[in-house]
C-alpha atoms as a PDB file:
ATOM      1  CA  MET A   1      39.793 -84.642  23.978  1.00  0.00           C
ATOM      2  CA  ASN A   2      39.522 -81.904  26.555  1.00  0.00           C
ATOM      3  CA  LEU A   3      39.348 -78.169  25.990  1.00  0.00           C
ATOM      4  CA  ILE A   4      43.069 -77.525  26.504  1.00  0.00           C
ATOM      5  CA  HIS A   5      44.045 -80.065  23.839  1.00  0.00           C
ATOM      6  CA  ARG A   6      41.524 -78.587  21.409  1.00  0.00           C
ATOM      7  CA  PHE A   7      42.860 -75.085  22.002  1.00  0.00           C
ATOM      8  CA  GLN A   8      46.455 -76.272  21.483  1.00  0.00           C
ATOM      9  CA  ALA A   9      45.441 -77.984  18.251  1.00  0.00           C
ATOM     10  CA  LEU A  10      43.739 -74.786  17.079  1.00  0.00           C
ATOM     11  CA  VAL A  11      46.832 -72.711  17.868  1.00  0.00           C
ATOM     12  CA  HIS A  12      49.017 -75.024  15.791  1.00  0.00           C
ATOM     13  CA  ASP A  13      46.531 -75.263  12.914  1.00  0.00           C
ATOM     14  CA  ASP A  14      47.694 -73.186   9.934  1.00  0.00           C
ATOM     15  CA  GLU A  15      44.233 -73.142   8.376  1.00  0.00           C
ATOM     16  CA  ALA A  16      42.825 -71.314  11.396  1.00  0.00           C
ATOM     17  CA  VAL A  17      45.489 -68.638  11.066  1.00  0.00           C
ATOM     18  CA  THR A  18      44.719 -68.247   7.381  1.00  0.00           C
ATOM     19  CA  ALA A  19      41.001 -67.930   8.106  1.00  0.00           C
ATOM     20  CA  ILE A  20      41.687 -65.215  10.673  1.00  0.00           C
ATOM     21  CA  GLU A  21      43.871 -63.344   8.196  1.00  0.00           C
ATOM     22  CA  TYR A  22      41.170 -63.503   5.540  1.00  0.00           C
ATOM     23  CA  GLY A  23      38.644 -62.294   8.091  1.00  0.00           C
ATOM     24  CA  LEU A  24      40.812 -59.309   8.984  1.00  0.00           C
ATOM     25  CA  ILE A  25      41.347 -58.465   5.318  1.00  0.00           C
ATOM     26  CA  ALA A  26      37.602 -58.645   4.665  1.00  0.00           C
ATOM     27  CA  ALA A  27      36.937 -56.400   7.677  1.00  0.00           C
ATOM     28  CA  LEU A  28      39.422 -53.797   6.423  1.00  0.00           C
ATOM     29  CA  ILE A  29      37.874 -53.857   2.959  1.00  0.00           C
ATOM     30  CA  ALA A  30      34.416 -53.420   4.487  1.00  0.00           C
ATOM     31  CA  VAL A  31      35.599 -50.421   6.518  1.00  0.00           C
ATOM     32  CA  PHE A  32      37.112 -48.860   3.395  1.00  0.00           C
ATOM     33  CA  ILE A  33      33.915 -49.414   1.400  1.00  0.00           C
ATOM     34  CA  ILE A  34      31.721 -47.948   4.152  1.00  0.00           C
ATOM     35  CA  ALA A  35      33.955 -44.889   4.489  1.00  0.00           C
ATOM     36  CA  SER A  36      34.082 -44.272   0.747  1.00  0.00           C
ATOM     37  CA  VAL A  37      30.329 -44.687   0.337  1.00  0.00           C
ATOM     38  CA  ALA A  38      29.723 -42.237   3.180  1.00  0.00           C
ATOM     39  CA  LEU A  39      32.100 -39.715   1.609  1.00  0.00           C
ATOM     40  CA  VAL A  40      30.723 -40.085  -1.911  1.00  0.00           C
ATOM     41  CA  GLY A  41      27.150 -40.154  -0.611  1.00  0.00           C
ATOM     42  CA  SER A  42      27.409 -36.742   1.014  1.00  0.00           C
ATOM     43  CA  LYS A  43      28.974 -35.217  -2.095  1.00  0.00           C
ATOM     44  CA  LEU A  44      26.378 -36.896  -4.300  1.00  0.00           C
ATOM     45  CA  ASP A  45      23.619 -35.482  -2.109  1.00  0.00           C
ATOM     46  CA  ALA A  46      25.021 -31.975  -2.646  1.00  0.00           C
ATOM     47  CA  ILE A  47      25.103 -32.506  -6.411  1.00  0.00           C
ATOM     48  CA  PHE A  48      21.491 -33.738  -6.516  1.00  0.00           C
ATOM     49  CA  SER A  49      20.389 -30.780  -4.394  1.00  0.00           C
ATOM     50  CA  ALA A  50      22.066 -28.358  -6.807  1.00  0.00           C
ATOM     51  CA  VAL A  51      20.437 -30.061  -9.791  1.00  0.00           C
ATOM     52  CA  ALA A  52      17.034 -30.012  -8.094  1.00  0.00           C
ATOM     53  CA  SER A  53      17.404 -26.297  -7.362  1.00  0.00           C
ATOM     54  CA  ALA A  54      18.398 -25.592 -10.961  1.00  0.00           C
ATOM     55  CA  VAL A  55      15.453 -27.586 -12.312  1.00  0.00           C
ATOM     56  CA  ALA A  56      13.036 -25.850  -9.922  1.00  0.00           C
ATOM     57  CA  ALA A  57      14.405 -22.441 -10.985  1.00  0.00           C
ATOM     58  CA  ALA A  58      14.098 -23.370 -14.674  1.00  0.00           C
ATOM     59  CA  ILE A  59      10.502 -24.531 -14.247  1.00  0.00           C
ATOM     60  CA  SER A  60       9.394 -21.393 -12.388  1.00  0.00           C
ATOM     61  CA  VAL A  61      10.728 -19.071 -15.133  1.00  0.00           C
END
């Protein structure tokens, strides 16, 4: 079976299309998770900095 016949078989294979769709869905979920972690991470860093400042001020009193 040459390369052209293999490519034609792949194009007509429904399982390959389904695998590509699942791959795209997984990629979109990964992008969403990365973006949300980056957003929450920066806000969480600000909260921890405020708590650290408050604790340092309480200890020095």
